[in-house]
Amino acid sequence: MKQIKRLQIGKNGLTEAFIGQVKSIFEKETLVKISILKSACRDKKEAEKIGNDLVRVLGKKFDYKLVGYVLTIIKYRKAQR
């Protein structure tokens, strides 16, 4: 069984470098877990906004699930929504 890639979003938030790193991981992987640190957002609504923004930038093949302050992003074979 493969290890799930894990990343963290800190006080800089969603930057171009972070998005590039996520895109490069998805070239080989289908699942990534991203921990949102308390310095990146104050409440769950901001965490949901980060998830929505990241999935919007990645494209229609991606979706996310937010549990606590952990985003689980999955890549599907076909476009979603």
Protein backbone atom coordinates (compact mmCIF):
# COMPACT_ATOMS: atom_id res chain seq x y z
CA MET A 1 0.00 0.00 0.00
CA LYS A 2 1.29 3.45 -0.94
CA GLN A 3 1.94 6.19 1.56
CA ILE A 4 -0.45 9.14 1.32
CA LYS A 5 1.35 12.39 0.58
CA ARG A 6 0.88 15.00 3.30
CA LEU A 7 1.39 18.76 3.06
CA GLN A 8 0.77 21.75 5.33
CA ILE A 9 -0.59 25.23 4.64
CA GLY A 10 0.89 27.81 6.98
CA LYS A 11 0.61 31.55 7.51
CA ASN A 12 1.42 32.34 3.86
CA GLY A 13 -1.76 30.57 2.80
CA LEU A 14 -2.39 29.41 -0.74
CA THR A 15 0.61 30.59 -2.76
CA GLU A 16 1.64 29.88 -6.35
CA ALA A 17 4.55 27.77 -5.09
CA PHE A 18 2.23 25.63 -2.95
CA ILE A 19 -0.20 25.14 -5.84
CA GLY A 20 2.71 24.14 -8.09
CA GLN A 21 3.85 21.62 -5.51
CA VAL A 22 0.35 20.10 -5.29
CA LYS A 23 0.13 19.89 -9.10
CA SER A 24 3.49 18.12 -9.30
CA ILE A 25 2.38 15.58 -6.67
CA PHE A 26 -0.82 14.85 -8.61
CA GLU A 27 1.21 13.83 -11.66
CA LYS A 28 1.90 10.52 -9.87
CA GLU A 29 -0.62 10.37 -7.02
CA THR A 30 -4.42 10.41 -6.79
CA LEU A 31 -4.80 11.42 -3.13
CA VAL A 32 -3.19 14.15 -1.01
CA LYS A 33 -3.90 15.21 2.57
CA ILE A 34 -3.27 18.86 3.44
CA SER A 35 -3.19 20.04 7.05
CA ILE A 36 -4.31 23.64 7.49
CA LEU A 37 -2.41 25.18 10.38
CA LYS A 38 -4.10 27.61 12.76
CA SER A 39 -1.90 30.42 11.42
CA ALA A 40 -3.47 29.98 7.94
CA CYS A 41 -7.11 30.41 8.97
CA ARG A 42 -9.23 31.22 11.98
CA ASP A 43 -12.35 29.15 11.41
CA LYS A 44 -13.94 26.40 9.31
CA LYS A 45 -15.37 28.82 6.74
CA GLU A 46 -11.89 30.03 5.84
CA ALA A 47 -10.72 26.41 5.62
CA GLU A 48 -13.60 25.64 3.23
CA LYS A 49 -12.66 28.69 1.16
CA ILE A 50 -9.07 27.41 0.90
CA GLY A 51 -10.39 24.02 -0.24
CA ASN A 52 -12.71 25.57 -2.82
CA ASP A 53 -9.98 27.86 -4.17
CA LEU A 54 -7.47 25.03 -4.45
CA VAL A 55 -9.89 22.69 -6.25
CA ARG A 56 -10.95 25.51 -8.59
CA VAL A 57 -7.33 26.15 -9.55
CA LEU A 58 -6.52 22.44 -9.98
CA GLY A 59 -9.42 21.74 -12.35
CA LYS A 60 -12.61 19.73 -12.79
CA LYS A 61 -11.04 16.33 -12.12
CA PHE A 62 -10.48 17.20 -8.47
CA ASP A 63 -12.68 17.25 -5.38
CA TYR A 64 -12.04 17.66 -1.66
CA LYS A 65 -13.36 16.69 1.73
CA LEU A 66 -12.71 18.75 4.85
CA VAL A 67 -12.53 16.94 8.19
CA GLY A 68 -11.49 19.22 11.01
CA TYR A 69 -8.64 21.23 9.52
CA VAL A 70 -7.44 18.49 7.16
CA LEU A 71 -8.25 18.71 3.45
CA THR A 72 -8.29 15.43 1.57
CA ILE A 73 -8.02 16.14 -2.14
CA ILE A 74 -8.72 13.38 -4.64
CA LYS A 75 -8.12 13.24 -8.38
CA TYR A 76 -10.71 11.41 -10.50
CA ARG A 77 -10.20 10.00 -13.98
CA LYS A 78 -13.12 12.01 -15.39
CA ALA A 79 -14.24 15.56 -14.77
CA GLN A 80 -16.59 16.08 -11.81
CA ARG A 81 -19.53 18.46 -11.49
